[in-house]
Amino acid sequence: MRLQNHFKCFAIIFLLSLTTLFAQEDYSVLKGQIAFGINSPAQDGFVRPFEAKGTNFPTINFGVQYMFKAQFGAKLDLGYNRMANGSDSPEFKLNYTRVNAQLVYDLTTKTTFLPQGTGFVLHAGPGFSMIKPLGDYGANKTSFLNAMAGFEFHYKVARTTSVYLDTSYVFAFGSEFDPITEGYGSFNGNMLTVTLGLSVSLSGCRTCN
């Protein structure tokens, strides 16, 4: 009888240990993300008298995120941005495309002030930017290395889906335009982006709390 009681206690402790272990490891391993929004380029990235609008649409971001642990992960993302001339600038339009490999740090469990069902994520990493002017300045293409950093605020709308707001800054490592005419209608500066999107868990998710 005493042996049976010991066995029952051992079984209960074992099950509780498994539950605790699963709870600690319970996170979404693989996520897909898509977001739409606006961009604001630094005006010193243009050759005078060219200037862009302070706010440009659209910015479109696609990403795949893999979490190695509940808090640490990495993601590969692609961004497309359209810019157009401001009211006091010669007419131009350009496409800004970037690809970045970033580290991800999920602060959700570290920030006790967040409401239930919300999350806060930091991300940063190097990348490559490609600029393609349109119209009369189509030959003035340029490309350069970049570094991107930002944060995401998530709000869970379903077990595997959250809506998120991302604010990011892209630092440019572009060289000066030489000759200066190569910069007409082009861009080699920094850029701020603000996007709203969906983050969907694709695997490794049991409860996604």
C-alpha atoms as a PDB file:
ATOM      1  CA  MET A   1       0.000   0.000   0.000  1.00  0.00           C
ATOM      2  CA  ARG A   2       2.839   2.350   0.898  1.00  0.00           C
ATOM      3  CA  LEU A   3       4.584   1.462  -2.389  1.00  0.00           C
ATOM      4  CA  GLN A   4       1.463   2.375  -4.358  1.00  0.00           C
ATOM      5  CA  ASN A   5       1.301   5.770  -2.635  1.00  0.00           C
ATOM      6  CA  HIS A   6       4.953   6.410  -3.433  1.00  0.00           C
ATOM      7  CA  PHE A   7       4.309   5.477  -7.058  1.00  0.00           C
ATOM      8  CA  LYS A   8       1.325   7.819  -7.256  1.00  0.00           C
ATOM      9  CA  CYS A   9       3.363  10.680  -5.830  1.00  0.00           C
ATOM     10  CA  PHE A  10       6.170   9.994  -8.276  1.00  0.00           C
ATOM     11  CA  ALA A  11       3.713   9.927 -11.208  1.00  0.00           C
ATOM     12  CA  ILE A  12       2.148  13.232 -10.163  1.00  0.00           C
ATOM     13  CA  ILE A  13       5.546  14.911  -9.778  1.00  0.00           C
ATOM     14  CA  PHE A  14       6.656  13.529 -13.160  1.00  0.00           C
ATOM     15  CA  LEU A  15       3.539  14.829 -14.926  1.00  0.00           C
ATOM     16  CA  LEU A  16       3.864  18.241 -13.293  1.00  0.00           C
ATOM     17  CA  SER A  17       7.502  18.396 -14.392  1.00  0.00           C
ATOM     18  CA  LEU A  18       6.546  17.621 -17.988  1.00  0.00           C
ATOM     19  CA  THR A  19       3.812  20.246 -17.902  1.00  0.00           C
ATOM     20  CA  THR A  20       6.247  22.836 -16.605  1.00  0.00           C
ATOM     21  CA  LEU A  21       8.828  21.892 -19.235  1.00  0.00           C
ATOM     22  CA  PHE A  22       6.316  22.158 -22.066  1.00  0.00           C
ATOM     23  CA  ALA A  23       5.069  25.492 -20.753  1.00  0.00           C
ATOM     24  CA  GLN A  24       8.605  26.850 -20.730  1.00  0.00           C
ATOM     25  CA  GLU A  25       9.230  25.701 -24.294  1.00  0.00           C
ATOM     26  CA  ASP A  26       5.790  26.600 -25.601  1.00  0.00           C
ATOM     27  CA  TYR A  27       6.400  29.168 -28.315  1.00  0.00           C
ATOM     28  CA  SER A  28       5.944  29.573 -32.033  1.00  0.00           C
ATOM     29  CA  VAL A  29       9.082  28.278 -33.791  1.00  0.00           C
ATOM     30  CA  LEU A  30       8.374  29.419 -37.353  1.00  0.00           C
ATOM     31  CA  LYS A  31       6.383  32.495 -38.364  1.00  0.00           C
ATOM     32  CA  GLY A  32       5.439  34.178 -41.623  1.00  0.00           C
ATOM     33  CA  GLN A  33       4.928  37.940 -41.668  1.00  0.00           C
ATOM     34  CA  ILE A  34       3.498  40.457 -44.112  1.00  0.00           C
ATOM     35  CA  ALA A  35       3.003  44.181 -43.475  1.00  0.00           C
ATOM     36  CA  PHE A  36       1.987  47.331 -45.359  1.00  0.00           C
ATOM     37  CA  GLY A  37       2.690  50.940 -44.509  1.00  0.00           C
ATOM     38  CA  ILE A  38       4.626  54.110 -45.247  1.00  0.00           C
ATOM     39  CA  ASN A  39       8.223  55.288 -45.476  1.00  0.00           C
ATOM     40  CA  SER A  40       9.991  58.569 -44.769  1.00  0.00           C
ATOM     41  CA  PRO A  41      13.429  59.008 -46.420  1.00  0.00           C
ATOM     42  CA  ALA A  42      16.153  61.311 -45.117  1.00  0.00           C
ATOM     43  CA  GLN A  43      16.304  64.280 -47.507  1.00  0.00           C
ATOM     44  CA  ASP A  44      20.112  64.404 -47.455  1.00  0.00           C
ATOM     45  CA  GLY A  45      20.067  61.127 -49.396  1.00  0.00           C
ATOM     46  CA  PHE A  46      18.978  63.007 -52.520  1.00  0.00           C
ATOM     47  CA  VAL A  47      21.032  65.225 -54.824  1.00  0.00           C
ATOM     48  CA  ARG A  48      19.721  68.800 -54.782  1.00  0.00           C
ATOM     49  CA  PRO A  49      17.312  70.071 -55.997  1.00  0.00           C
ATOM     50  CA  PHE A  50      15.669  66.628 -55.748  1.00  0.00           C
ATOM     51  CA  GLU A  51      13.541  65.977 -52.665  1.00  0.00           C
ATOM     52  CA  ALA A  52      10.998  63.301 -51.815  1.00  0.00           C
ATOM     53  CA  LYS A  53       7.681  63.614 -50.046  1.00  0.00           C
ATOM     54  CA  GLY A  54       8.018  63.444 -46.291  1.00  0.00           C
ATOM     55  CA  THR A  55       5.663  60.433 -46.257  1.00  0.00           C
ATOM     56  CA  ASN A  56       5.543  57.935 -49.109  1.00  0.00           C
ATOM     57  CA  PHE A  57       3.280  54.966 -49.857  1.00  0.00           C
ATOM     58  CA  PRO A  58       3.561  52.020 -50.142  1.00  0.00           C
ATOM     59  CA  THR A  59       6.038  50.133 -48.023  1.00  0.00           C
ATOM     60  CA  ILE A  60       5.562  46.346 -48.185  1.00  0.00           C
ATOM     61  CA  ASN A  61       7.497  43.895 -46.009  1.00  0.00           C
ATOM     62  CA  PHE A  62       7.626  40.093 -46.222  1.00  0.00           C
ATOM     63  CA  GLY A  63       9.470  37.997 -43.639  1.00  0.00           C
ATOM     64  CA  VAL A  64      10.114  34.510 -42.304  1.00  0.00           C
ATOM     65  CA  GLN A  65      11.099  34.256 -38.633  1.00  0.00           C
ATOM     66  CA  TYR A  66      12.632  31.283 -36.810  1.00  0.00           C
ATOM     67  CA  MET A  67      12.888  31.232 -33.008  1.00  0.00           C
ATOM     68  CA  PHE A  68      15.749  29.167 -31.544  1.00  0.00           C
ATOM     69  CA  LYS A  69      14.380  29.730 -28.049  1.00  0.00           C
ATOM     70  CA  ALA A  70      11.320  31.450 -26.618  1.00  0.00           C
ATOM     71  CA  GLN A  71      13.108  34.803 -26.611  1.00  0.00           C
ATOM     72  CA  PHE A  72      15.852  34.550 -29.242  1.00  0.00           C
ATOM     73  CA  GLY A  73      15.563  34.027 -32.968  1.00  0.00           C
ATOM     74  CA  ALA A  74      16.363  35.302 -36.441  1.00  0.00           C
ATOM     75  CA  LYS A  75      14.453  36.375 -39.510  1.00  0.00           C
ATOM     76  CA  LEU A  76      15.021  37.029 -43.177  1.00  0.00           C
ATOM     77  CA  ASP A  77      12.854  39.763 -44.638  1.00  0.00           C
ATOM     78  CA  LEU A  78      12.342  41.598 -47.908  1.00  0.00           C
ATOM     79  CA  GLY A  79      11.092  45.173 -48.127  1.00  0.00           C
ATOM     80  CA  TYR A  80       9.736  47.152 -51.064  1.00  0.00           C
ATOM     81  CA  ASN A  81       9.326  50.941 -50.893  1.00  0.00           C
ATOM     82  CA  ARG A  82       8.112  53.534 -53.410  1.00  0.00           C
ATOM     83  CA  MET A  83       9.226  57.181 -53.195  1.00  0.00           C
ATOM     84  CA  ALA A  84       8.096  60.192 -55.218  1.00  0.00           C
ATOM     85  CA  ASN A  85       9.095  63.830 -55.559  1.00  0.00           C
ATOM     86  CA  GLY A  86       7.936  66.565 -53.217  1.00  0.00           C
ATOM     87  CA  SER A  87       6.157  69.707 -54.382  1.00  0.00           C
ATOM     88  CA  ASP A  88       9.373  71.786 -54.756  1.00  0.00           C
ATOM     89  CA  SER A  89      11.415  69.083 -56.503  1.00  0.00           C
ATOM     90  CA  PRO A  90      11.906  68.005 -60.122  1.00  0.00           C
ATOM     91  CA  GLU A  91       9.583  65.122 -60.906  1.00  0.00           C
ATOM     92  CA  PHE A  92      10.846  61.612 -60.171  1.00  0.00           C
ATOM     93  CA  LYS A  93       9.830  58.253 -58.740  1.00  0.00           C
ATOM     94  CA  LEU A  94      11.966  55.388 -57.515  1.00  0.00           C
ATOM     95  CA  ASN A  95      11.718  51.898 -56.098  1.00  0.00           C
ATOM     96  CA  TYR A  96      13.728  51.046 -52.995  1.00  0.00           C
ATOM     97  CA  THR A  97      14.139  47.312 -52.365  1.00  0.00           C
ATOM     98  CA  ARG A  98      16.033  45.849 -49.433  1.00  0.00           C
ATOM     99  CA  VAL A  99      16.802  42.420 -47.997  1.00  0.00           C
ATOM    100  CA  ASN A 100      17.921  41.976 -44.379  1.00  0.00           C
ATOM    101  CA  ALA A 101      18.999  39.137 -42.089  1.00  0.00           C
ATOM    102  CA  GLN A 102      18.100  40.119 -38.534  1.00  0.00           C
ATOM    103  CA  LEU A 103      18.353  38.838 -34.994  1.00  0.00           C
ATOM    104  CA  VAL A 104      15.118  38.841 -33.003  1.00  0.00           C
ATOM    105  CA  TYR A 105      14.667  39.342 -29.266  1.00  0.00           C
ATOM    106  CA  ASP A 106      11.181  38.800 -27.822  1.00  0.00           C
ATOM    107  CA  LEU A 107      10.755  40.962 -24.708  1.00  0.00           C
ATOM    108  CA  THR A 108       7.172  39.892 -24.023  1.00  0.00           C
ATOM    109  CA  THR A 109       7.930  37.876 -20.885  1.00  0.00           C
ATOM    110  CA  LYS A 110      10.321  40.562 -19.611  1.00  0.00           C
ATOM    111  CA  THR A 111       7.862  43.449 -19.832  1.00  0.00           C
ATOM    112  CA  THR A 112       5.321  42.985 -17.042  1.00  0.00           C
ATOM    113  CA  PHE A 113       3.405  46.134 -17.960  1.00  0.00           C
ATOM    114  CA  LEU A 114       2.074  44.671 -21.228  1.00  0.00           C
ATOM    115  CA  PRO A 115      -1.624  43.684 -21.277  1.00  0.00           C
ATOM    116  CA  GLN A 116      -2.602  40.039 -21.763  1.00  0.00           C
ATOM    117  CA  GLY A 117      -2.438  38.972 -25.418  1.00  0.00           C
ATOM    118  CA  THR A 118       0.150  41.564 -26.435  1.00  0.00           C
ATOM    119  CA  GLY A 119       3.869  41.297 -27.156  1.00  0.00           C
ATOM    120  CA  PHE A 120       6.953  43.419 -27.756  1.00  0.00           C
ATOM    121  CA  VAL A 121       9.796  42.338 -30.073  1.00  0.00           C
ATOM    122  CA  LEU A 122      13.114  43.935 -31.021  1.00  0.00           C
ATOM    123  CA  HIS A 123      14.955  43.175 -34.264  1.00  0.00           C
ATOM    124  CA  ALA A 124      18.200  44.323 -35.910  1.00  0.00           C
ATOM    125  CA  GLY A 125      20.638  43.186 -38.558  1.00  0.00           C
ATOM    126  CA  PRO A 126      22.603  43.905 -41.756  1.00  0.00           C
ATOM    127  CA  GLY A 127      21.264  43.980 -45.267  1.00  0.00           C
ATOM    128  CA  PHE A 128      21.520  45.181 -48.835  1.00  0.00           C
ATOM    129  CA  SER A 129      19.586  48.008 -50.512  1.00  0.00           C
ATOM    130  CA  MET A 130      18.828  48.360 -54.232  1.00  0.00           C
ATOM    131  CA  ILE A 131      17.577  51.642 -55.716  1.00  0.00           C
ATOM    132  CA  LYS A 132      15.897  51.768 -59.112  1.00  0.00           C
ATOM    133  CA  PRO A 133      14.792  55.208 -60.385  1.00  0.00           C
ATOM    134  CA  LEU A 134      11.886  55.274 -62.829  1.00  0.00           C
ATOM    135  CA  GLY A 135      11.224  57.407 -65.894  1.00  0.00           C
ATOM    136  CA  ASP A 136      13.899  59.875 -67.087  1.00  0.00           C
ATOM    137  CA  TYR A 137      16.476  58.795 -64.486  1.00  0.00           C
ATOM    138  CA  GLY A 138      16.212  55.038 -64.950  1.00  0.00           C
ATOM    139  CA  ALA A 139      19.945  54.676 -65.627  1.00  0.00           C
ATOM    140  CA  ASN A 140      20.905  56.035 -62.193  1.00  0.00           C
ATOM    141  CA  LYS A 141      20.574  52.755 -60.312  1.00  0.00           C
ATOM    142  CA  THR A 142      22.579  52.308 -57.142  1.00  0.00           C
ATOM    143  CA  SER A 143      23.015  49.766 -54.359  1.00  0.00           C
ATOM    144  CA  PHE A 144      24.682  49.731 -50.943  1.00  0.00           C
ATOM    145  CA  LEU A 145      24.926  47.899 -47.633  1.00  0.00           C
ATOM    146  CA  ASN A 146      22.551  48.813 -44.822  1.00  0.00           C
ATOM    147  CA  ALA A 147      21.837  48.095 -41.162  1.00  0.00           C
ATOM    148  CA  MET A 148      18.261  47.913 -39.917  1.00  0.00           C
ATOM    149  CA  ALA A 149      16.850  48.150 -36.400  1.00  0.00           C
ATOM    150  CA  GLY A 150      13.306  48.341 -35.111  1.00  0.00           C
ATOM    151  CA  PHE A 151      10.588  47.122 -32.763  1.00  0.00           C
ATOM    152  CA  GLU A 152       7.245  45.387 -33.135  1.00  0.00           C
ATOM    153  CA  PHE A 153       4.147  45.635 -30.946  1.00  0.00           C
ATOM    154  CA  HIS A 154       1.916  42.543 -31.315  1.00  0.00           C
ATOM    155  CA  TYR A 155      -1.732  42.006 -30.459  1.00  0.00           C
ATOM    156  CA  LYS A 156      -3.028  38.437 -30.634  1.00  0.00           C
ATOM    157  CA  VAL A 157      -6.280  38.054 -32.598  1.00  0.00           C
ATOM    158  CA  ALA A 158      -6.297  34.234 -32.818  1.00  0.00           C
ATOM    159  CA  ARG A 159      -4.366  31.267 -31.410  1.00  0.00           C
ATOM    160  CA  THR A 160      -1.753  31.409 -34.174  1.00  0.00           C
ATOM    161  CA  THR A 161      -2.196  34.942 -35.516  1.00  0.00           C
ATOM    162  CA  SER A 162      -1.309  38.412 -34.296  1.00  0.00           C
ATOM    163  CA  VAL A 163      -1.636  41.899 -35.731  1.00  0.00           C
ATOM    164  CA  TYR A 164       1.554  43.893 -35.305  1.00  0.00           C
ATOM    165  CA  LEU A 165       2.827  47.437 -35.706  1.00  0.00           C
ATOM    166  CA  ASP A 166       6.468  47.710 -36.774  1.00  0.00           C
ATOM    167  CA  THR A 167       8.627  50.840 -36.622  1.00  0.00           C
ATOM    168  CA  SER A 168      12.071  50.458 -38.197  1.00  0.00           C
ATOM    169  CA  TYR A 169      15.011  52.607 -39.251  1.00  0.00           C
ATOM    170  CA  VAL A 170      17.321  51.633 -42.119  1.00  0.00           C
ATOM    171  CA  PHE A 171      20.840  53.053 -41.904  1.00  0.00           C
ATOM    172  CA  ALA A 172      22.532  53.448 -45.295  1.00  0.00           C
ATOM    173  CA  PHE A 173      26.197  52.832 -46.049  1.00  0.00           C
ATOM    174  CA  GLY A 174      25.982  54.417 -49.490  1.00  0.00           C
ATOM    175  CA  SER A 175      28.834  56.291 -51.164  1.00  0.00           C
ATOM    176  CA  GLU A 176      28.635  59.806 -52.603  1.00  0.00           C
ATOM    177  CA  PHE A 177      27.378  60.162 -56.174  1.00  0.00           C
ATOM    178  CA  ASP A 178      30.329  60.815 -58.499  1.00  0.00           C
ATOM    179  CA  PRO A 179      29.692  62.389 -60.905  1.00  0.00           C
ATOM    180  CA  ILE A 180      26.822  64.155 -59.185  1.00  0.00           C
ATOM    181  CA  THR A 181      24.519  63.527 -62.160  1.00  0.00           C
ATOM    182  CA  GLU A 182      24.452  59.832 -61.224  1.00  0.00           C
ATOM    183  CA  GLY A 183      22.353  60.859 -58.236  1.00  0.00           C
ATOM    184  CA  TYR A 184      19.599  62.624 -60.181  1.00  0.00           C
ATOM    185  CA  GLY A 185      16.359  60.923 -59.247  1.00  0.00           C
ATOM    186  CA  SER A 186      18.192  58.378 -57.079  1.00  0.00           C
ATOM    187  CA  PHE A 187      18.761  57.919 -53.333  1.00  0.00           C
ATOM    188  CA  ASN A 188      21.582  56.815 -51.002  1.00  0.00           C
ATOM    189  CA  GLY A 189      20.328  57.799 -47.526  1.00  0.00           C
ATOM    190  CA  ASN A 190      18.597  56.540 -44.403  1.00  0.00           C
ATOM    191  CA  MET A 191      14.902  55.711 -44.184  1.00  0.00           C
ATOM    192  CA  LEU A 192      12.195  55.316 -41.541  1.00  0.00           C
ATOM    193  CA  THR A 193       9.353  52.845 -42.093  1.00  0.00           C
ATOM    194  CA  VAL A 194       6.089  52.288 -40.218  1.00  0.00           C
ATOM    195  CA  THR A 195       3.997  49.260 -41.165  1.00  0.00           C
ATOM    196  CA  LEU A 196       0.960  47.337 -39.953  1.00  0.00           C
ATOM    197  CA  GLY A 197       0.732  43.642 -40.658  1.00  0.00           C
ATOM    198  CA  LEU A 198      -0.061  40.029 -39.761  1.00  0.00           C
ATOM    199  CA  SER A 199       2.248  37.505 -38.091  1.00  0.00           C
ATOM    200  CA  VAL A 200       1.158  33.877 -38.514  1.00  0.00           C
ATOM    201  CA  SER A 201       2.633  30.866 -36.709  1.00  0.00           C
ATOM    202  CA  LEU A 202       3.519  28.146 -39.191  1.00  0.00           C
ATOM    203  CA  SER A 203       4.963  25.415 -36.938  1.00  0.00           C
ATOM    204  CA  GLY A 204       6.063  24.552 -33.419  1.00  0.00           C
ATOM    205  CA  CYS A 205       3.067  26.226 -31.828  1.00  0.00           C
ATOM    206  CA  ARG A 206       0.920  24.455 -29.253  1.00  0.00           C
ATOM    207  CA  THR A 207      -0.914  27.312 -27.562  1.00  0.00           C
ATOM    208  CA  CYS A 208       1.000  30.407 -28.771  1.00  0.00           C
ATOM    209  CA  ASN A 209       0.175  32.265 -25.568  1.00  0.00           C
END
